[in-house]
C-alpha cells in the first residue's frame, strides 16, 4: 500500500466512527474510538468520542508502518 492510497481511504472514511489503536514507544498502546475530522497533505486529525480528549494528529506513515491501526466499528 502507498501513502497516496492511504490518503484516499482516510478521506473516504472522514466523519465515520472508527476504532483506532496506536502503538507508541516502550510497548505502550492506546485504543479509542473517534472520527477523522480533517485531512491535510502530511497529517490527519482525529477527534476521540470521549469529550474530555483533545484532537489527535497522526501522519499517513503511522498507518503505513503499522504504528496506527484503523478499523470500522
PDB file of N, CA and C in Angstrom:
ATOM      1  N   UNK A   1       0.843  -1.184   0.000  1.00  0.00           N
ATOM      2  CA  UNK A   1       0.000   0.000   0.000  1.00  0.00           C
ATOM      3  C   UNK A   1       0.887   1.246   0.000  1.00  0.00           C
ATOM      4  N   UNK A   2       0.445   2.261  -0.689  1.00  0.00           N
ATOM      5  CA  UNK A   2       1.209   3.502  -0.759  1.00  0.00           C
ATOM      6  C   UNK A   2       0.539   4.581   0.088  1.00  0.00           C
ATOM      7  N   UNK A   3       1.272   5.628   0.345  1.00  0.00           N
ATOM      8  CA  UNK A   3       0.730   6.736   1.126  1.00  0.00           C
ATOM      9  C   UNK A   3      -0.435   7.388   0.383  1.00  0.00           C
ATOM     10  N   UNK A   4      -0.380   7.451  -0.933  1.00  0.00           N
ATOM     11  CA  UNK A   4      -1.483   8.031  -1.712  1.00  0.00           C
ATOM     12  C   UNK A   4      -2.764   7.231  -1.529  1.00  0.00           C
ATOM     13  N   UNK A   5      -2.655   5.904  -1.530  1.00  0.00           N
ATOM     14  CA  UNK A   5      -3.833   5.051  -1.319  1.00  0.00           C
ATOM     15  C   UNK A   5      -4.379   5.237   0.092  1.00  0.00           C
ATOM     16  N   UNK A   6      -3.493   5.351   1.069  1.00  0.00           N
ATOM     17  CA  UNK A   6      -3.909   5.568   2.452  1.00  0.00           C
ATOM     18  C   UNK A   6      -4.667   6.891   2.563  1.00  0.00           C
ATOM     19  N   UNK A   7      -4.150   7.938   1.923  1.00  0.00           N
ATOM     20  CA  UNK A   7      -4.826   9.246   1.935  1.00  0.00           C
ATOM     21  C   UNK A   7      -6.235   9.135   1.358  1.00  0.00           C
ATOM     22  N   UNK A   8      -6.361   8.425   0.236  1.00  0.00           N
ATOM     23  CA  UNK A   8      -7.671   8.255  -0.396  1.00  0.00           C
ATOM     24  C   UNK A   8      -8.640   7.508   0.517  1.00  0.00           C
ATOM     25  N   UNK A   9      -8.168   6.431   1.141  1.00  0.00           N
ATOM     26  CA  UNK A   9      -9.023   5.649   2.028  1.00  0.00           C
ATOM     27  C   UNK A   9      -9.463   6.461   3.239  1.00  0.00           C
ATOM     28  N   UNK A  10      -8.548   7.208   3.837  1.00  0.00           N
ATOM     29  CA  UNK A  10      -8.891   8.002   5.011  1.00  0.00           C
ATOM     30  C   UNK A  10      -9.841   9.137   4.646  1.00  0.00           C
ATOM     31  N   UNK A  11      -9.677   9.712   3.475  1.00  0.00           N
ATOM     32  CA  UNK A  11     -10.590  10.766   3.021  1.00  0.00           C
ATOM     33  C   UNK A  11     -12.007  10.218   2.895  1.00  0.00           C
ATOM     34  N   UNK A  12     -12.125   8.980   2.420  1.00  0.00           N
ATOM     35  CA  UNK A  12     -13.460   8.382   2.272  1.00  0.00           C
ATOM     36  C   UNK A  12     -14.075   7.994   3.622  1.00  0.00           C
ATOM     37  N   UNK A  13     -13.252   7.821   4.644  1.00  0.00           N
ATOM     38  CA  UNK A  13     -13.728   7.453   5.979  1.00  0.00           C
ATOM     39  C   UNK A  13     -14.031   8.671   6.852  1.00  0.00           C
ATOM     40  N   UNK A  14     -13.806   9.837   6.326  1.00  0.00           N
ATOM     41  CA  UNK A  14     -13.980  11.079   7.078  1.00  0.00           C
ATOM     42  C   UNK A  14     -15.403  11.187   7.627  1.00  0.00           C
ATOM     43  N   UNK A  15     -15.524  11.458   8.940  1.00  0.00           N
ATOM     44  CA  UNK A  15     -16.825  11.631   9.575  1.00  0.00           C
ATOM     45  C   UNK A  15     -17.438  10.364  10.135  1.00  0.00           C
ATOM     46  N   UNK A  16     -16.909   9.195   9.794  1.00  0.00           N
ATOM     47  CA  UNK A  16     -17.426   7.925  10.312  1.00  0.00           C
ATOM     48  C   UNK A  16     -16.761   7.605  11.642  1.00  0.00           C
ATOM     49  N   UNK A  17     -17.487   6.907  12.519  1.00  0.00           N
ATOM     50  CA  UNK A  17     -16.904   6.465  13.789  1.00  0.00           C
ATOM     51  C   UNK A  17     -16.020   5.253  13.501  1.00  0.00           C
ATOM     52  N   UNK A  18     -14.761   5.354  13.886  1.00  0.00           N
ATOM     53  CA  UNK A  18     -13.773   4.300  13.657  1.00  0.00           C
ATOM     54  C   UNK A  18     -13.091   3.942  14.968  1.00  0.00           C
ATOM     55  N   UNK A  19     -12.465   2.773  14.998  1.00  0.00           N
ATOM     56  CA  UNK A  19     -11.682   2.349  16.157  1.00  0.00           C
ATOM     57  C   UNK A  19     -10.206   2.487  15.799  1.00  0.00           C
ATOM     58  N   UNK A  20      -9.467   3.161  16.670  1.00  0.00           N
ATOM     59  CA  UNK A  20      -8.041   3.412  16.457  1.00  0.00           C
ATOM     60  C   UNK A  20      -7.234   2.698  17.527  1.00  0.00           C
ATOM     61  N   UNK A  21      -6.108   2.133  17.115  1.00  0.00           N
ATOM     62  CA  UNK A  21      -5.179   1.512  18.058  1.00  0.00           C
ATOM     63  C   UNK A  21      -3.784   2.007  17.681  1.00  0.00           C
ATOM     64  N   UNK A  22      -3.178   2.778  18.591  1.00  0.00           N
ATOM     65  CA  UNK A  22      -1.865   3.371  18.333  1.00  0.00           C
ATOM     66  C   UNK A  22      -0.817   2.666  19.175  1.00  0.00           C
ATOM     67  N   UNK A  23       0.242   2.211  18.524  1.00  0.00           N
ATOM     68  CA  UNK A  23       1.358   1.550  19.196  1.00  0.00           C
ATOM     69  C   UNK A  23       2.455   2.582  19.406  1.00  0.00           C
ATOM     70  N   UNK A  24       2.630   3.014  20.653  1.00  0.00           N
ATOM     71  CA  UNK A  24       3.612   4.043  20.969  1.00  0.00           C
ATOM     72  C   UNK A  24       4.936   3.456  21.413  1.00  0.00           C
ATOM     73  N   UNK A  25       5.739   4.294  22.026  1.00  0.00           N
ATOM     74  CA  UNK A  25       7.061   3.884  22.500  1.00  0.00           C
ATOM     75  C   UNK A  25       6.937   2.968  23.713  1.00  0.00           C
ATOM     76  N   UNK A  26       7.930   2.147  23.903  1.00  0.00           N
ATOM     77  CA  UNK A  26       8.027   1.251  25.060  1.00  0.00           C
ATOM     78  C   UNK A  26       6.805   0.370  25.246  1.00  0.00           C
ATOM     79  N   UNK A  27       6.333  -0.180  24.152  1.00  0.00           N
ATOM     80  CA  UNK A  27       5.209  -1.113  24.155  1.00  0.00           C
ATOM     81  C   UNK A  27       3.921  -0.541  24.736  1.00  0.00           C
ATOM     82  N   UNK A  28       3.757   0.757  24.708  1.00  0.00           N
ATOM     83  CA  UNK A  28       2.515   1.362  25.166  1.00  0.00           C
ATOM     84  C   UNK A  28       1.532   1.409  23.999  1.00  0.00           C
ATOM     85  N   UNK A  29       0.294   1.020  24.272  1.00  0.00           N
ATOM     86  CA  UNK A  29      -0.738   1.102  23.247  1.00  0.00           C
ATOM     87  C   UNK A  29      -1.894   1.939  23.770  1.00  0.00           C
ATOM     88  N   UNK A  30      -2.541   2.607  22.851  1.00  0.00           N
ATOM     89  CA  UNK A  30      -3.707   3.418  23.190  1.00  0.00           C
ATOM     90  C   UNK A  30      -4.815   3.065  22.207  1.00  0.00           C
ATOM     91  N   UNK A  31      -5.977   2.698  22.741  1.00  0.00           N
ATOM     92  CA  UNK A  31      -7.126   2.380  21.913  1.00  0.00           C
ATOM     93  C   UNK A  31      -8.237   3.368  22.200  1.00  0.00           C
ATOM     94  N   UNK A  32      -8.893   3.819  21.147  1.00  0.00           N
ATOM     95  CA  UNK A  32     -10.014   4.739  21.318  1.00  0.00           C
ATOM     96  C   UNK A  32     -10.876   4.741  20.064  1.00  0.00           C
ATOM     97  N   UNK A  33     -12.096   5.241  20.212  1.00  0.00           N
ATOM     98  CA  UNK A  33     -12.995   5.433  19.090  1.00  0.00           C
ATOM     99  C   UNK A  33     -13.017   6.909  18.760  1.00  0.00           C
ATOM    100  N   UNK A  34     -13.159   7.218  17.492  1.00  0.00           N
ATOM    101  CA  UNK A  34     -13.199   8.615  17.096  1.00  0.00           C
ATOM    102  C   UNK A  34     -13.536   8.767  15.624  1.00  0.00           C
ATOM    103  N   UNK A  35     -13.513  10.016  15.183  1.00  0.00           N
ATOM    104  CA  UNK A  35     -13.811  10.351  13.796  1.00  0.00           C
ATOM    105  C   UNK A  35     -12.650  11.140  13.196  1.00  0.00           C
ATOM    106  N   UNK A  36     -12.357  10.863  11.942  1.00  0.00           N
ATOM    107  CA  UNK A  36     -11.391  11.678  11.212  1.00  0.00           C
ATOM    108  C   UNK A  36     -12.112  12.969  10.850  1.00  0.00           C
ATOM    109  N   UNK A  37     -11.605  14.088  11.350  1.00  0.00           N
ATOM    110  CA  UNK A  37     -12.298  15.353  11.114  1.00  0.00           C
ATOM    111  C   UNK A  37     -11.671  16.186  10.004  1.00  0.00           C
ATOM    112  N   UNK A  38     -10.388  15.960   9.731  1.00  0.00           N
ATOM    113  CA  UNK A  38      -9.734  16.746   8.674  1.00  0.00           C
ATOM    114  C   UNK A  38      -8.520  15.989   8.159  1.00  0.00           C
ATOM    115  N   UNK A  39      -8.258  16.134   6.862  1.00  0.00           N
ATOM    116  CA  UNK A  39      -7.056  15.547   6.270  1.00  0.00           C
ATOM    117  C   UNK A  39      -6.241  16.667   5.631  1.00  0.00           C
ATOM    118  N   UNK A  40      -4.949  16.583   5.800  1.00  0.00           N
ATOM    119  CA  UNK A  40      -4.004  17.548   5.240  1.00  0.00           C
ATOM    120  C   UNK A  40      -2.963  16.768   4.447  1.00  0.00           C
ATOM    121  N   UNK A  41      -2.092  17.454   3.701  1.00  0.00           N
ATOM    122  CA  UNK A  41      -1.110  16.728   2.883  1.00  0.00           C
ATOM    123  C   UNK A  41      -0.201  15.776   3.672  1.00  0.00           C
ATOM    124  N   UNK A  42       0.160  16.118   4.908  1.00  0.00           N
ATOM    125  CA  UNK A  42       1.089  15.266   5.651  1.00  0.00           C
ATOM    126  C   UNK A  42       0.505  14.565   6.858  1.00  0.00           C
ATOM    127  N   UNK A  43      -0.626  15.066   7.358  1.00  0.00           N
ATOM    128  CA  UNK A  43      -1.229  14.509   8.572  1.00  0.00           C
ATOM    129  C   UNK A  43      -2.752  14.506   8.457  1.00  0.00           C
ATOM    130  N   UNK A  44      -3.392  13.801   9.396  1.00  0.00           N
ATOM    131  CA  UNK A  44      -4.840  13.854   9.509  1.00  0.00           C
ATOM    132  C   UNK A  44      -5.203  13.986  10.985  1.00  0.00           C
ATOM    133  N   UNK A  45      -6.366  14.592  11.250  1.00  0.00           N
ATOM    134  CA  UNK A  45      -6.801  14.866  12.616  1.00  0.00           C
ATOM    135  C   UNK A  45      -7.944  13.945  13.004  1.00  0.00           C
ATOM    136  N   UNK A  46      -7.878  13.445  14.249  1.00  0.00           N
ATOM    137  CA  UNK A  46      -8.894  12.543  14.775  1.00  0.00           C
ATOM    138  C   UNK A  46      -9.466  13.144  16.052  1.00  0.00           C
ATOM    139  N   UNK A  47     -10.790  13.210  16.123  1.00  0.00           N
ATOM    140  CA  UNK A  47     -11.490  13.682  17.322  1.00  0.00           C
ATOM    141  C   UNK A  47     -12.012  12.455  18.051  1.00  0.00           C
ATOM    142  N   UNK A  48     -11.445  12.124  19.236  1.00  0.00           N
ATOM    143  CA  UNK A  48     -11.934  10.975  20.004  1.00  0.00           C
ATOM    144  C   UNK A  48     -13.381  11.179  20.452  1.00  0.00           C
ATOM    145  N   UNK A  49     -14.127  10.082  20.605  1.00  0.00           N
ATOM    146  CA  UNK A  49     -15.516  10.138  21.033  1.00  0.00           C
ATOM    147  C   UNK A  49     -15.648  10.670  22.462  1.00  0.00           C
ATOM    148  N   UNK A  50     -14.664  10.389  23.315  1.00  0.00           N
ATOM    149  CA  UNK A  50     -14.680  10.886  24.685  1.00  0.00           C
ATOM    150  C   UNK A  50     -14.509  12.401  24.648  1.00  0.00           C
ATOM    151  N   UNK A  51     -15.475  13.129  25.167  1.00  0.00           N
ATOM    152  CA  UNK A  51     -15.457  14.589  25.070  1.00  0.00           C
ATOM    153  C   UNK A  51     -14.300  15.231  25.824  1.00  0.00           C
ATOM    154  N   UNK A  52     -13.702  14.535  26.780  1.00  0.00           N
ATOM    155  CA  UNK A  52     -12.599  15.093  27.564  1.00  0.00           C
ATOM    156  C   UNK A  52     -11.267  15.022  26.820  1.00  0.00           C
ATOM    157  N   UNK A  53     -11.225  14.260  25.754  1.00  0.00           N
ATOM    158  CA  UNK A  53      -9.974  14.091  24.997  1.00  0.00           C
ATOM    159  C   UNK A  53      -9.805  15.226  23.985  1.00  0.00           C
ATOM    160  N   UNK A  54      -8.557  15.549  23.721  1.00  0.00           N
ATOM    161  CA  UNK A  54      -8.265  16.579  22.726  1.00  0.00           C
ATOM    162  C   UNK A  54      -8.073  15.929  21.352  1.00  0.00           C
ATOM    163  N   UNK A  55      -8.114  16.733  20.321  1.00  0.00           N
ATOM    164  CA  UNK A  55      -7.923  16.251  18.958  1.00  0.00           C
ATOM    165  C   UNK A  55      -6.492  15.732  18.808  1.00  0.00           C
ATOM    166  N   UNK A  56      -6.356  14.595  18.144  1.00  0.00           N
ATOM    167  CA  UNK A  56      -5.039  13.971  17.938  1.00  0.00           C
ATOM    168  C   UNK A  56      -4.669  14.065  16.466  1.00  0.00           C
ATOM    169  N   UNK A  57      -3.386  14.184  16.205  1.00  0.00           N
ATOM    170  CA  UNK A  57      -2.920  14.193  14.816  1.00  0.00           C
ATOM    171  C   UNK A  57      -2.003  12.996  14.582  1.00  0.00           C
ATOM    172  N   UNK A  58      -2.109  12.430  13.406  1.00  0.00           N
ATOM    173  CA  UNK A  58      -1.289  11.289  13.001  1.00  0.00           C
ATOM    174  C   UNK A  58      -0.801  11.526  11.584  1.00  0.00           C
ATOM    175  N   UNK A  59       0.325  10.930  11.269  1.00  0.00           N
ATOM    176  CA  UNK A  59       0.828  11.030   9.895  1.00  0.00           C
ATOM    177  C   UNK A  59       0.375   9.794   9.120  1.00  0.00           C
ATOM    178  N   UNK A  60       0.364   9.914   7.812  1.00  0.00           N
ATOM    179  CA  UNK A  60      -0.011   8.782   6.968  1.00  0.00           C
ATOM    180  C   UNK A  60       1.024   7.662   7.088  1.00  0.00           C
ATOM    181  N   UNK A  61       2.259   8.024   7.409  1.00  0.00           N
ATOM    182  CA  UNK A  61       3.287   6.991   7.570  1.00  0.00           C
ATOM    183  C   UNK A  61       3.045   6.163   8.833  1.00  0.00           C
ATOM    184  N   UNK A  62       2.325   6.708   9.837  1.00  0.00           N
ATOM    185  CA  UNK A  62       1.945   5.899  11.004  1.00  0.00           C
ATOM    186  C   UNK A  62       1.084   4.710  10.574  1.00  0.00           C
ATOM    187  N   UNK A  63       0.205   4.938   9.620  1.00  0.00           N
ATOM    188  CA  UNK A  63      -0.646   3.863   9.104  1.00  0.00           C
ATOM    189  C   UNK A  63       0.187   2.906   8.250  1.00  0.00           C
ATOM    190  N   UNK A  64       1.049   3.462   7.411  1.00  0.00           N
ATOM    191  CA  UNK A  64       1.874   2.653   6.517  1.00  0.00           C
ATOM    192  C   UNK A  64       2.803   1.727   7.295  1.00  0.00           C
ATOM    193  N   UNK A  65       3.383   2.217   8.394  1.00  0.00           N
ATOM    194  CA  UNK A  65       4.336   1.426   9.185  1.00  0.00           C
ATOM    195  C   UNK A  65       3.659   0.611  10.280  1.00  0.00           C
ATOM    196  N   UNK A  66       2.333   0.598  10.287  1.00  0.00           N
ATOM    197  CA  UNK A  66       1.526  -0.177  11.241  1.00  0.00           C
ATOM    198  C   UNK A  66       1.663   0.288  12.683  1.00  0.00           C
ATOM    199  N   UNK A  67       2.055   1.549  12.902  1.00  0.00           N
ATOM    200  CA  UNK A  67       2.035   2.104  14.245  1.00  0.00           C
ATOM    201  C   UNK A  67       0.625   2.519  14.635  1.00  0.00           C
ATOM    202  N   UNK A  68      -0.255   2.658  13.639  1.00  0.00           N
ATOM    203  CA  UNK A  68      -1.646   3.020  13.873  1.00  0.00           C
ATOM    204  C   UNK A  68      -2.525   2.079  13.072  1.00  0.00           C
ATOM    205  N   UNK A  69      -3.428   1.379  13.776  1.00  0.00           N
ATOM    206  CA  UNK A  69      -4.407   0.532  13.112  1.00  0.00           C
ATOM    207  C   UNK A  69      -5.755   1.243  13.143  1.00  0.00           C
ATOM    208  N   UNK A  70      -6.467   1.187  12.034  1.00  0.00           N
ATOM    209  CA  UNK A  70      -7.786   1.814  11.943  1.00  0.00           C
ATOM    210  C   UNK A  70      -8.766   0.749  11.461  1.00  0.00           C
ATOM    211  N   UNK A  71      -9.851   0.586  12.221  1.00  0.00           N
ATOM    212  CA  UNK A  71     -10.876  -0.399  11.861  1.00  0.00           C
ATOM    213  C   UNK A  71     -12.244   0.243  11.957  1.00  0.00           C
ATOM    214  N   UNK A  72     -13.145  -0.218  11.080  1.00  0.00           N
ATOM    215  CA  UNK A  72     -14.522   0.261  11.167  1.00  0.00           C
ATOM    216  C   UNK A  72     -15.196  -0.412  12.349  1.00  0.00           C
ATOM    217  N   UNK A  73     -16.063   0.329  13.007  1.00  0.00           N
ATOM    218  CA  UNK A  73     -16.785  -0.218  14.158  1.00  0.00           C
ATOM    219  C   UNK A  73     -17.960  -1.050  13.751  1.00  0.00           C
TER     220      UNK A  73
END
